[in-house]
Amino acid sequence: MVGGKFSLVWFLALLCLLVKVTESGECCRSHYDVMGNVMNERWCANYCCLQGNIYSCCNNWFFRAPAQDRSTFCVNWFARHIWVPIIVALIILGLLIGCGVCCCCMCC
């Protein structure tokens, strides 16, 4: 049983490292364009880029917008994909319950 617990810890540690290594996209923060119109924040799958005076999504790292104009968290994305935090919360709750049941069964 010790090997099972040990391999679970290694699996969880590896999973955390893989999540840290992956790039998940960027959010172009809301801003005013050259005409004075408000441009709402927008989620980009790869990079938020500044080309001329226009913020857009692109795949080229060299065109990335300045750090103050982009973010790794986008409220607008979560507002449109409300199911994502719900699913993540349910998975975490399931894992906590599963770990509690396993620990309780191992101790008794």
PDB file of N, CA and C in Angstrom:
ATOM      1  N   MET A   1       0.805  -1.199   0.000  1.00  0.00           N
ATOM      2  CA  MET A   1       0.000   0.000   0.000  1.00  0.00           C
ATOM      3  C   MET A   1       0.851   1.268   0.000  1.00  0.00           C
ATOM      4  N   VAL A   2       2.076   1.206   0.517  1.00  0.00           N
ATOM      5  CA  VAL A   2       2.920   2.398   0.549  1.00  0.00           C
ATOM      6  C   VAL A   2       3.259   2.834  -0.877  1.00  0.00           C
ATOM      7  N   GLY A   3       3.516   1.878  -1.769  1.00  0.00           N
ATOM      8  CA  GLY A   3       3.823   2.213  -3.156  1.00  0.00           C
ATOM      9  C   GLY A   3       2.672   2.923  -3.842  1.00  0.00           C
ATOM     10  N   GLY A   4       1.432   2.536  -3.520  1.00  0.00           N
ATOM     11  CA  GLY A   4       0.258   3.173  -4.104  1.00  0.00           C
ATOM     12  C   GLY A   4       0.148   4.633  -3.700  1.00  0.00           C
ATOM     13  N   LYS A   5       0.365   4.923  -2.425  1.00  0.00           N
ATOM     14  CA  LYS A   5       0.310   6.301  -1.951  1.00  0.00           C
ATOM     15  C   LYS A   5       1.455   7.114  -2.544  1.00  0.00           C
ATOM     16  N   PHE A   6       2.633   6.505  -2.614  1.00  0.00           N
ATOM     17  CA  PHE A   6       3.814   7.188  -3.136  1.00  0.00           C
ATOM     18  C   PHE A   6       3.622   7.529  -4.611  1.00  0.00           C
ATOM     19  N   SER A   7       3.090   6.596  -5.397  1.00  0.00           N
ATOM     20  CA  SER A   7       2.893   6.866  -6.821  1.00  0.00           C
ATOM     21  C   SER A   7       1.801   7.915  -7.038  1.00  0.00           C
ATOM     22  N   LEU A   8       0.803   7.976  -6.156  1.00  0.00           N
ATOM     23  CA  LEU A   8      -0.237   8.992  -6.260  1.00  0.00           C
ATOM     24  C   LEU A   8       0.355  10.379  -6.020  1.00  0.00           C
ATOM     25  N   VAL A   9       1.245  10.486  -5.046  1.00  0.00           N
ATOM     26  CA  VAL A   9       1.893  11.769  -4.759  1.00  0.00           C
ATOM     27  C   VAL A   9       2.733  12.208  -5.946  1.00  0.00           C
ATOM     28  N   TRP A  10       3.485  11.284  -6.549  1.00  0.00           N
ATOM     29  CA  TRP A  10       4.299  11.623  -7.714  1.00  0.00           C
ATOM     30  C   TRP A  10       3.423  12.033  -8.897  1.00  0.00           C
ATOM     31  N   PHE A  11       2.311  11.339  -9.072  1.00  0.00           N
ATOM     32  CA  PHE A  11       1.391  11.678 -10.157  1.00  0.00           C
ATOM     33  C   PHE A  11       0.841  13.085  -9.981  1.00  0.00           C
ATOM     34  N   LEU A  12       0.419  13.424  -8.773  1.00  0.00           N
ATOM     35  CA  LEU A  12      -0.121  14.760  -8.515  1.00  0.00           C
ATOM     36  C   LEU A  12       0.953  15.838  -8.685  1.00  0.00           C
ATOM     37  N   ALA A  13       2.185  15.554  -8.253  1.00  0.00           N
ATOM     38  CA  ALA A  13       3.275  16.507  -8.426  1.00  0.00           C
ATOM     39  C   ALA A  13       3.574  16.726  -9.910  1.00  0.00           C
ATOM     40  N   LEU A  14       3.579  15.654 -10.691  1.00  0.00           N
ATOM     41  CA  LEU A  14       3.811  15.764 -12.130  1.00  0.00           C
ATOM     42  C   LEU A  14       2.692  16.542 -12.806  1.00  0.00           C
ATOM     43  N   LEU A  15       1.467  16.299 -12.390  1.00  0.00           N
ATOM     44  CA  LEU A  15       0.330  17.017 -12.949  1.00  0.00           C
ATOM     45  C   LEU A  15       0.439  18.515 -12.686  1.00  0.00           C
ATOM     46  N   CYS A  16       0.842  18.881 -11.479  1.00  0.00           N
ATOM     47  CA  CYS A  16       1.021  20.302 -11.148  1.00  0.00           C
ATOM     48  C   CYS A  16       2.121  20.928 -11.995  1.00  0.00           C
ATOM     49  N   LEU A  17       3.204  20.203 -12.229  1.00  0.00           N
ATOM     50  CA  LEU A  17       4.288  20.732 -13.055  1.00  0.00           C
ATOM     51  C   LEU A  17       3.850  20.902 -14.502  1.00  0.00           C
ATOM     52  N   LEU A  18       3.071  19.963 -15.022  1.00  0.00           N
ATOM     53  CA  LEU A  18       2.605  20.070 -16.400  1.00  0.00           C
ATOM     54  C   LEU A  18       1.667  21.246 -16.579  1.00  0.00           C
ATOM     55  N   VAL A  19       0.827  21.507 -15.597  1.00  0.00           N
ATOM     56  CA  VAL A  19      -0.073  22.651 -15.685  1.00  0.00           C
ATOM     57  C   VAL A  19       0.722  23.947 -15.690  1.00  0.00           C
ATOM     58  N   LYS A  20       1.789  24.027 -14.907  1.00  0.00           N
ATOM     59  CA  LYS A  20       2.610  25.231 -14.838  1.00  0.00           C
ATOM     60  C   LYS A  20       3.356  25.481 -16.155  1.00  0.00           C
ATOM     61  N   VAL A  21       3.774  24.408 -16.835  1.00  0.00           N
ATOM     62  CA  VAL A  21       4.588  24.533 -18.045  1.00  0.00           C
ATOM     63  C   VAL A  21       3.759  24.987 -19.247  1.00  0.00           C
ATOM     64  N   THR A  22       2.499  24.599 -19.330  1.00  0.00           N
ATOM     65  CA  THR A  22       1.696  24.899 -20.512  1.00  0.00           C
ATOM     66  C   THR A  22       1.321  26.369 -20.570  1.00  0.00           C
ATOM     67  N   GLU A  23       1.180  26.869 -21.777  1.00  0.00           N
ATOM     68  CA  GLU A  23       0.698  28.227 -21.968  1.00  0.00           C
ATOM     69  C   GLU A  23      -0.766  28.136 -22.365  1.00  0.00           C
ATOM     70  N   SER A  24      -1.585  28.929 -21.706  1.00  0.00           N
ATOM     71  CA  SER A  24      -3.017  28.800 -21.940  1.00  0.00           C
ATOM     72  C   SER A  24      -3.630  30.016 -22.622  1.00  0.00           C
ATOM     73  N   GLY A  25      -2.873  30.987 -22.967  1.00  0.00           N
ATOM     74  CA  GLY A  25      -3.400  32.151 -23.648  1.00  0.00           C
ATOM     75  C   GLY A  25      -3.272  33.411 -22.813  1.00  0.00           C
ATOM     76  N   GLU A  26      -3.756  34.496 -23.375  1.00  0.00           N
ATOM     77  CA  GLU A  26      -3.678  35.796 -22.707  1.00  0.00           C
ATOM     78  C   GLU A  26      -4.965  36.567 -22.937  1.00  0.00           C
ATOM     79  N   CYS A  27      -5.160  37.547 -22.100  1.00  0.00           N
ATOM     80  CA  CYS A  27      -6.318  38.420 -22.206  1.00  0.00           C
ATOM     81  C   CYS A  27      -5.838  39.821 -22.583  1.00  0.00           C
ATOM     82  N   CYS A  28      -6.378  40.356 -23.664  1.00  0.00           N
ATOM     83  CA  CYS A  28      -6.123  41.765 -23.997  1.00  0.00           C
ATOM     84  C   CYS A  28      -7.055  42.589 -23.120  1.00  0.00           C
ATOM     85  N   ARG A  29      -6.488  43.434 -22.291  1.00  0.00           N
ATOM     86  CA  ARG A  29      -7.309  44.251 -21.394  1.00  0.00           C
ATOM     87  C   ARG A  29      -8.112  45.270 -22.182  1.00  0.00           C
ATOM     88  N   SER A  30      -9.194  45.732 -21.564  1.00  0.00           N
ATOM     89  CA  SER A  30     -10.013  46.740 -22.234  1.00  0.00           C
ATOM     90  C   SER A  30      -9.210  48.043 -22.362  1.00  0.00           C
ATOM     91  N   HIS A  31      -9.470  48.760 -23.423  1.00  0.00           N
ATOM     92  CA  HIS A  31      -8.719  49.978 -23.697  1.00  0.00           C
ATOM     93  C   HIS A  31      -9.539  50.861 -24.643  1.00  0.00           C
ATOM     94  N   TYR A  32      -9.053  52.054 -24.857  1.00  0.00           N
ATOM     95  CA  TYR A  32      -9.655  52.968 -25.827  1.00  0.00           C
ATOM     96  C   TYR A  32      -8.857  52.908 -27.122  1.00  0.00           C
ATOM     97  N   ASP A  33      -9.566  52.838 -28.251  1.00  0.00           N
ATOM     98  CA  ASP A  33      -8.847  52.855 -29.521  1.00  0.00           C
ATOM     99  C   ASP A  33      -8.540  54.306 -29.907  1.00  0.00           C
ATOM    100  N   VAL A  34      -7.958  54.516 -31.075  1.00  0.00           N
ATOM    101  CA  VAL A  34      -7.544  55.857 -31.484  1.00  0.00           C
ATOM    102  C   VAL A  34      -8.722  56.792 -31.725  1.00  0.00           C
ATOM    103  N   MET A  35      -9.908  56.238 -31.936  1.00  0.00           N
ATOM    104  CA  MET A  35     -11.109  57.042 -32.137  1.00  0.00           C
ATOM    105  C   MET A  35     -11.835  57.337 -30.824  1.00  0.00           C
ATOM    106  N   GLY A  36     -11.333  56.818 -29.717  1.00  0.00           N
ATOM    107  CA  GLY A  36     -11.944  57.046 -28.412  1.00  0.00           C
ATOM    108  C   GLY A  36     -13.015  56.039 -28.037  1.00  0.00           C
ATOM    109  N   ASN A  37     -13.180  54.998 -28.844  1.00  0.00           N
ATOM    110  CA  ASN A  37     -14.167  53.957 -28.544  1.00  0.00           C
ATOM    111  C   ASN A  37     -13.593  52.970 -27.533  1.00  0.00           C
ATOM    112  N   VAL A  38     -14.441  52.494 -26.652  1.00  0.00           N
ATOM    113  CA  VAL A  38     -14.006  51.502 -25.660  1.00  0.00           C
ATOM    114  C   VAL A  38     -13.954  50.127 -26.321  1.00  0.00           C
ATOM    115  N   MET A  39     -12.821  49.489 -26.213  1.00  0.00           N
ATOM    116  CA  MET A  39     -12.650  48.124 -26.719  1.00  0.00           C
ATOM    117  C   MET A  39     -12.660  47.200 -25.501  1.00  0.00           C
ATOM    118  N   ASN A  40     -13.618  46.300 -25.435  1.00  0.00           N
ATOM    119  CA  ASN A  40     -13.733  45.393 -24.299  1.00  0.00           C
ATOM    120  C   ASN A  40     -12.588  44.395 -24.271  1.00  0.00           C
ATOM    121  N   GLU A  41     -12.350  43.844 -23.082  1.00  0.00           N
ATOM    122  CA  GLU A  41     -11.296  42.843 -22.980  1.00  0.00           C
ATOM    123  C   GLU A  41     -11.644  41.654 -23.854  1.00  0.00           C
ATOM    124  N   ARG A  42     -10.609  40.966 -24.282  1.00  0.00           N
ATOM    125  CA  ARG A  42     -10.811  39.870 -25.215  1.00  0.00           C
ATOM    126  C   ARG A  42      -9.816  38.774 -24.916  1.00  0.00           C
ATOM    127  N   TRP A  43     -10.270  37.537 -24.965  1.00  0.00           N
ATOM    128  CA  TRP A  43      -9.416  36.380 -24.693  1.00  0.00           C
ATOM    129  C   TRP A  43      -8.771  35.915 -25.984  1.00  0.00           C
ATOM    130  N   CYS A  44      -7.454  35.733 -25.931  1.00  0.00           N
ATOM    131  CA  CYS A  44      -6.704  35.232 -27.087  1.00  0.00           C
ATOM    132  C   CYS A  44      -6.154  33.849 -26.751  1.00  0.00           C
ATOM    133  N   ALA A  45      -6.287  32.926 -27.671  1.00  0.00           N
ATOM    134  CA  ALA A  45      -5.815  31.565 -27.446  1.00  0.00           C
ATOM    135  C   ALA A  45      -4.295  31.511 -27.292  1.00  0.00           C
ATOM    136  N   ASN A  46      -3.575  32.375 -27.981  1.00  0.00           N
ATOM    137  CA  ASN A  46      -2.111  32.380 -27.880  1.00  0.00           C
ATOM    138  C   ASN A  46      -1.604  33.669 -27.236  1.00  0.00           C
ATOM    139  N   TYR A  47      -1.520  34.745 -28.009  1.00  0.00           N
ATOM    140  CA  TYR A  47      -0.944  35.987 -27.499  1.00  0.00           C
ATOM    141  C   TYR A  47      -1.835  37.179 -27.820  1.00  0.00           C
ATOM    142  N   CYS A  48      -1.830  38.148 -26.919  1.00  0.00           N
ATOM    143  CA  CYS A  48      -2.453  39.442 -27.170  1.00  0.00           C
ATOM    144  C   CYS A  48      -1.378  40.302 -27.827  1.00  0.00           C
ATOM    145  N   CYS A  49      -1.653  40.777 -29.024  1.00  0.00           N
ATOM    146  CA  CYS A  49      -0.621  41.475 -29.788  1.00  0.00           C
ATOM    147  C   CYS A  49      -1.017  42.911 -30.095  1.00  0.00           C
ATOM    148  N   LEU A  50      -0.019  43.728 -30.232  1.00  0.00           N
ATOM    149  CA  LEU A  50      -0.186  45.130 -30.605  1.00  0.00           C
ATOM    150  C   LEU A  50       0.522  45.328 -31.934  1.00  0.00           C
ATOM    151  N   GLN A  51      -0.268  45.617 -32.969  1.00  0.00           N
ATOM    152  CA  GLN A  51       0.288  45.860 -34.290  1.00  0.00           C
ATOM    153  C   GLN A  51      -0.192  47.227 -34.738  1.00  0.00           C
ATOM    154  N   GLY A  52       0.698  48.192 -34.723  1.00  0.00           N
ATOM    155  CA  GLY A  52       0.316  49.580 -34.962  1.00  0.00           C
ATOM    156  C   GLY A  52      -0.402  50.089 -33.720  1.00  0.00           C
ATOM    157  N   ASN A  53      -1.640  50.504 -33.864  1.00  0.00           N
ATOM    158  CA  ASN A  53      -2.457  50.921 -32.730  1.00  0.00           C
ATOM    159  C   ASN A  53      -3.598  49.946 -32.475  1.00  0.00           C
ATOM    160  N   ILE A  54      -3.535  48.766 -33.056  1.00  0.00           N
ATOM    161  CA  ILE A  54      -4.623  47.795 -32.974  1.00  0.00           C
ATOM    162  C   ILE A  54      -4.197  46.597 -32.121  1.00  0.00           C
ATOM    163  N   TYR A  55      -5.018  46.289 -31.108  1.00  0.00           N
ATOM    164  CA  TYR A  55      -4.803  45.099 -30.297  1.00  0.00           C
ATOM    165  C   TYR A  55      -5.584  43.959 -30.924  1.00  0.00           C
ATOM    166  N   SER A  56      -4.907  42.847 -31.138  1.00  0.00           N
ATOM    167  CA  SER A  56      -5.566  41.681 -31.716  1.00  0.00           C
ATOM    168  C   SER A  56      -4.881  40.420 -31.215  1.00  0.00           C
ATOM    169  N   CYS A  57      -5.443  39.293 -31.536  1.00  0.00           N
ATOM    170  CA  CYS A  57      -4.853  38.008 -31.171  1.00  0.00           C
ATOM    171  C   CYS A  57      -3.925  37.552 -32.295  1.00  0.00           C
ATOM    172  N   CYS A  58      -2.796  36.967 -31.925  1.00  0.00           N
ATOM    173  CA  CYS A  58      -1.879  36.457 -32.935  1.00  0.00           C
ATOM    174  C   CYS A  58      -1.083  35.281 -32.366  1.00  0.00           C
ATOM    175  N   ASN A  59      -0.297  34.657 -33.205  1.00  0.00           N
ATOM    176  CA  ASN A  59       0.525  33.515 -32.809  1.00  0.00           C
ATOM    177  C   ASN A  59       2.002  33.859 -32.662  1.00  0.00           C
ATOM    178  N   ASN A  60       2.375  35.091 -32.947  1.00  0.00           N
ATOM    179  CA  ASN A  60       3.781  35.493 -32.954  1.00  0.00           C
ATOM    180  C   ASN A  60       4.138  36.198 -31.639  1.00  0.00           C
ATOM    181  N   TRP A  61       5.073  35.625 -30.910  1.00  0.00           N
ATOM    182  CA  TRP A  61       5.484  36.141 -29.607  1.00  0.00           C
ATOM    183  C   TRP A  61       6.093  37.541 -29.720  1.00  0.00           C
ATOM    184  N   PHE A  62       6.724  37.861 -30.839  1.00  0.00           N
ATOM    185  CA  PHE A  62       7.415  39.140 -31.001  1.00  0.00           C
ATOM    186  C   PHE A  62       6.459  40.333 -31.104  1.00  0.00           C
ATOM    187  N   PHE A  63       5.183  40.082 -31.420  1.00  0.00           N
ATOM    188  CA  PHE A  63       4.205  41.163 -31.524  1.00  0.00           C
ATOM    189  C   PHE A  63       3.382  41.342 -30.255  1.00  0.00           C
ATOM    190  N   ARG A  64       3.766  40.676 -29.180  1.00  0.00           N
ATOM    191  CA  ARG A  64       2.988  40.746 -27.941  1.00  0.00           C
ATOM    192  C   ARG A  64       2.826  42.181 -27.466  1.00  0.00           C
ATOM    193  N   ALA A  65       1.649  42.457 -26.915  1.00  0.00           N
ATOM    194  CA  ALA A  65       1.359  43.775 -26.352  1.00  0.00           C
ATOM    195  C   ALA A  65       2.177  43.966 -25.080  1.00  0.00           C
ATOM    196  N   PRO A  66       2.402  45.197 -24.658  1.00  0.00           N
ATOM    197  CA  PRO A  66       3.128  45.433 -23.403  1.00  0.00           C
ATOM    198  C   PRO A  66       2.415  44.764 -22.226  1.00  0.00           C
ATOM    199  N   ALA A  67       3.173  44.447 -21.188  1.00  0.00           N
ATOM    200  CA  ALA A  67       2.650  43.701 -20.044  1.00  0.00           C
ATOM    201  C   ALA A  67       1.453  44.392 -19.392  1.00  0.00           C
ATOM    202  N   GLN A  68       1.430  45.705 -19.362  1.00  0.00           N
ATOM    203  CA  GLN A  68       0.322  46.412 -18.715  1.00  0.00           C
ATOM    204  C   GLN A  68      -0.969  46.333 -19.537  1.00  0.00           C
ATOM    205  N   ASP A  69      -0.877  45.922 -20.798  1.00  0.00           N
ATOM    206  CA  ASP A  69      -2.051  45.818 -21.659  1.00  0.00           C
ATOM    207  C   ASP A  69      -2.576  44.401 -21.815  1.00  0.00           C
ATOM    208  N   ARG A  70      -1.945  43.451 -21.162  1.00  0.00           N
ATOM    209  CA  ARG A  70      -2.392  42.062 -21.243  1.00  0.00           C
ATOM    210  C   ARG A  70      -2.403  41.426 -19.863  1.00  0.00           C
ATOM    211  N   SER A  71      -3.130  40.345 -19.748  1.00  0.00           N
ATOM    212  CA  SER A  71      -3.265  39.655 -18.478  1.00  0.00           C
ATOM    213  C   SER A  71      -3.423  38.161 -18.745  1.00  0.00           C
ATOM    214  N   THR A  72      -3.120  37.329 -17.751  1.00  0.00           N
ATOM    215  CA  THR A  72      -3.320  35.887 -17.904  1.00  0.00           C
ATOM    216  C   THR A  72      -4.708  35.468 -17.445  1.00  0.00           C
ATOM    217  N   PHE A  73      -5.453  36.383 -16.840  1.00  0.00           N
ATOM    218  CA  PHE A  73      -6.798  36.083 -16.359  1.00  0.00           C
ATOM    219  C   PHE A  73      -7.782  37.026 -17.028  1.00  0.00           C
ATOM    220  N   CYS A  74      -8.879  36.484 -17.544  1.00  0.00           N
ATOM    221  CA  CYS A  74      -9.850  37.272 -18.281  1.00  0.00           C
ATOM    222  C   CYS A  74     -11.257  37.006 -17.744  1.00  0.00           C
ATOM    223  N   VAL A  75     -11.812  37.981 -17.057  1.00  0.00           N
ATOM    224  CA  VAL A  75     -13.150  37.830 -16.484  1.00  0.00           C
ATOM    225  C   VAL A  75     -14.173  37.600 -17.576  1.00  0.00           C
ATOM    226  N   ASN A  76     -14.004  38.265 -18.695  1.00  0.00           N
ATOM    227  CA  ASN A  76     -14.935  38.131 -19.811  1.00  0.00           C
ATOM    228  C   ASN A  76     -14.991  36.687 -20.309  1.00  0.00           C
ATOM    229  N   TRP A  77     -13.852  35.995 -20.329  1.00  0.00           N
ATOM    230  CA  TRP A  77     -13.833  34.604 -20.782  1.00  0.00           C
ATOM    231  C   TRP A  77     -14.647  33.734 -19.838  1.00  0.00           C
ATOM    232  N   PHE A  78     -14.481  33.928 -18.516  1.00  0.00           N
ATOM    233  CA  PHE A  78     -15.229  33.137 -17.552  1.00  0.00           C
ATOM    234  C   PHE A  78     -16.716  33.463 -17.592  1.00  0.00           C
ATOM    235  N   ALA A  79     -17.066  34.694 -17.913  1.00  0.00           N
ATOM    236  CA  ALA A  79     -18.480  35.055 -18.017  1.00  0.00           C
ATOM    237  C   ALA A  79     -19.148  34.307 -19.169  1.00  0.00           C
ATOM    238  N   ARG A  80     -18.414  34.106 -20.254  1.00  0.00           N
ATOM    239  CA  ARG A  80     -18.967  33.375 -21.398  1.00  0.00           C
ATOM    240  C   ARG A  80     -18.862  31.865 -21.236  1.00  0.00           C
ATOM    241  N   HIS A  81     -17.956  31.395 -20.386  1.00  0.00           N
ATOM    242  CA  HIS A  81     -17.745  29.960 -20.161  1.00  0.00           C
ATOM    243  C   HIS A  81     -17.929  29.635 -18.685  1.00  0.00           C
ATOM    244  N   ILE A  82     -19.119  29.932 -18.165  1.00  0.00           N
ATOM    245  CA  ILE A  82     -19.384  29.765 -16.740  1.00  0.00           C
ATOM    246  C   ILE A  82     -19.298  28.302 -16.313  1.00  0.00           C
ATOM    247  N   TRP A  83     -19.439  27.383 -17.233  1.00  0.00           N
ATOM    248  CA  TRP A  83     -19.388  25.958 -16.905  1.00  0.00           C
ATOM    249  C   TRP A  83     -17.991  25.515 -16.493  1.00  0.00           C
ATOM    250  N   VAL A  84     -16.943  26.213 -16.927  1.00  0.00           N
ATOM    251  CA  VAL A  84     -15.571  25.791 -16.608  1.00  0.00           C
ATOM    252  C   VAL A  84     -15.293  25.826 -15.106  1.00  0.00           C
ATOM    253  N   PRO A  85     -15.537  26.947 -14.392  1.00  0.00           N
ATOM    254  CA  PRO A  85     -15.276  26.919 -12.956  1.00  0.00           C
ATOM    255  C   PRO A  85     -16.174  25.947 -12.200  1.00  0.00           C
ATOM    256  N   ILE A  86     -17.390  25.718 -12.714  1.00  0.00           N
ATOM    257  CA  ILE A  86     -18.273  24.751 -12.059  1.00  0.00           C
ATOM    258  C   ILE A  86     -17.711  23.336 -12.183  1.00  0.00           C
ATOM    259  N   ILE A  87     -17.265  22.968 -13.368  1.00  0.00           N
ATOM    260  CA  ILE A  87     -16.683  21.634 -13.576  1.00  0.00           C
ATOM    261  C   ILE A  87     -15.416  21.467 -12.747  1.00  0.00           C
ATOM    262  N   VAL A  88     -14.564  22.492 -12.714  1.00  0.00           N
ATOM    263  CA  VAL A  88     -13.327  22.414 -11.923  1.00  0.00           C
ATOM    264  C   VAL A  88     -13.658  22.244 -10.446  1.00  0.00           C
ATOM    265  N   ALA A  89     -14.647  22.981  -9.947  1.00  0.00           N
ATOM    266  CA  ALA A  89     -15.044  22.865  -8.542  1.00  0.00           C
ATOM    267  C   ALA A  89     -15.580  21.462  -8.240  1.00  0.00           C
ATOM    268  N   LEU A  90     -16.358  20.896  -9.157  1.00  0.00           N
ATOM    269  CA  LEU A  90     -16.886  19.546  -8.950  1.00  0.00           C
ATOM    270  C   LEU A  90     -15.776  18.503  -8.956  1.00  0.00           C
ATOM    271  N   ILE A  91     -14.797  18.674  -9.822  1.00  0.00           N
ATOM    272  CA  ILE A  91     -13.665  17.734  -9.860  1.00  0.00           C
ATOM    273  C   ILE A  91     -12.864  17.821  -8.569  1.00  0.00           C
ATOM    274  N   ILE A  92     -12.594  19.034  -8.104  1.00  0.00           N
ATOM    275  CA  ILE A  92     -11.850  19.202  -6.853  1.00  0.00           C
ATOM    276  C   ILE A  92     -12.629  18.606  -5.694  1.00  0.00           C
ATOM    277  N   LEU A  93     -13.928  18.836  -5.651  1.00  0.00           N
ATOM    278  CA  LEU A  93     -14.762  18.265  -4.594  1.00  0.00           C
ATOM    279  C   LEU A  93     -14.735  16.741  -4.648  1.00  0.00           C
ATOM    280  N   GLY A  94     -14.819  16.174  -5.838  1.00  0.00           N
ATOM    281  CA  GLY A  94     -14.742  14.720  -5.995  1.00  0.00           C
ATOM    282  C   GLY A  94     -13.408  14.165  -5.537  1.00  0.00           C
ATOM    283  N   LEU A  95     -12.326  14.864  -5.871  1.00  0.00           N
ATOM    284  CA  LEU A  95     -11.004  14.417  -5.431  1.00  0.00           C
ATOM    285  C   LEU A  95     -10.867  14.481  -3.915  1.00  0.00           C
ATOM    286  N   LEU A  96     -11.372  15.542  -3.314  1.00  0.00           N
ATOM    287  CA  LEU A  96     -11.309  15.655  -1.856  1.00  0.00           C
ATOM    288  C   LEU A  96     -12.117  14.560  -1.173  1.00  0.00           C
ATOM    289  N   ILE A  97     -13.309  14.291  -1.678  1.00  0.00           N
ATOM    290  CA  ILE A  97     -14.135  13.213  -1.114  1.00  0.00           C
ATOM    291  C   ILE A  97     -13.437  11.871  -1.310  1.00  0.00           C
ATOM    292  N   GLY A  98     -12.900  11.644  -2.503  1.00  0.00           N
ATOM    293  CA  GLY A  98     -12.200  10.386  -2.779  1.00  0.00           C
ATOM    294  C   GLY A  98     -10.992  10.199  -1.880  1.00  0.00           C
ATOM    295  N   CYS A  99     -10.207  11.240  -1.670  1.00  0.00           N
ATOM    296  CA  CYS A  99      -9.048  11.151  -0.794  1.00  0.00           C
ATOM    297  C   CYS A  99      -9.493  10.904   0.649  1.00  0.00           C
ATOM    298  N   GLY A 100     -10.570  11.555   1.061  1.00  0.00           N
ATOM    299  CA  GLY A 100     -11.079  11.334   2.422  1.00  0.00           C
ATOM    300  C   GLY A 100     -11.546   9.918   2.622  1.00  0.00           C
ATOM    301  N   VAL A 101     -12.245   9.346   1.643  1.00  0.00           N
ATOM    302  CA  VAL A 101     -12.722   7.967   1.743  1.00  0.00           C
ATOM    303  C   VAL A 101     -11.542   7.001   1.745  1.00  0.00           C
ATOM    304  N   CYS A 102     -10.543   7.234   0.886  1.00  0.00           N
ATOM    305  CA  CYS A 102      -9.364   6.359   0.842  1.00  0.00           C
ATOM    306  C   CYS A 102      -8.601   6.403   2.145  1.00  0.00           C
ATOM    307  N   CYS A 103      -8.388   7.591   2.697  1.00  0.00           N
ATOM    308  CA  CYS A 103      -7.683   7.710   3.958  1.00  0.00           C
ATOM    309  C   CYS A 103      -8.443   7.063   5.096  1.00  0.00           C
ATOM    310  N   CYS A 104      -9.745   7.216   5.097  1.00  0.00           N
ATOM    311  CA  CYS A 104     -10.577   6.625   6.139  1.00  0.00           C
ATOM    312  C   CYS A 104     -10.547   5.097   6.036  1.00  0.00           C
ATOM    313  N   CYS A 105     -10.586   4.572   4.831  1.00  0.00           N
ATOM    314  CA  CYS A 105     -10.565   3.101   4.646  1.00  0.00           C
ATOM    315  C   CYS A 105      -9.187   2.541   4.987  1.00  0.00           C
ATOM    316  N   MET A 106      -8.118   3.273   4.734  1.00  0.00           N
ATOM    317  CA  MET A 106      -6.768   2.811   5.040  1.00  0.00           C
ATOM    318  C   MET A 106      -6.514   2.773   6.549  1.00  0.00           C
ATOM    319  N   CYS A 107      -7.075   3.751   7.249  1.00  0.00           N
ATOM    320  CA  CYS A 107      -6.833   3.846   8.693  1.00  0.00           C
ATOM    321  C   CYS A 107      -7.669   2.842   9.474  1.00  0.00           C
ATOM    322  N   CYS A 108      -8.835   2.523   9.015  1.00  0.00           N
ATOM    323  CA  CYS A 108      -9.746   1.646   9.777  1.00  0.00           C
ATOM    324  C   CYS A 108      -9.535   0.190   9.500  1.00  0.00           C
TER     325      CYS A 108
END
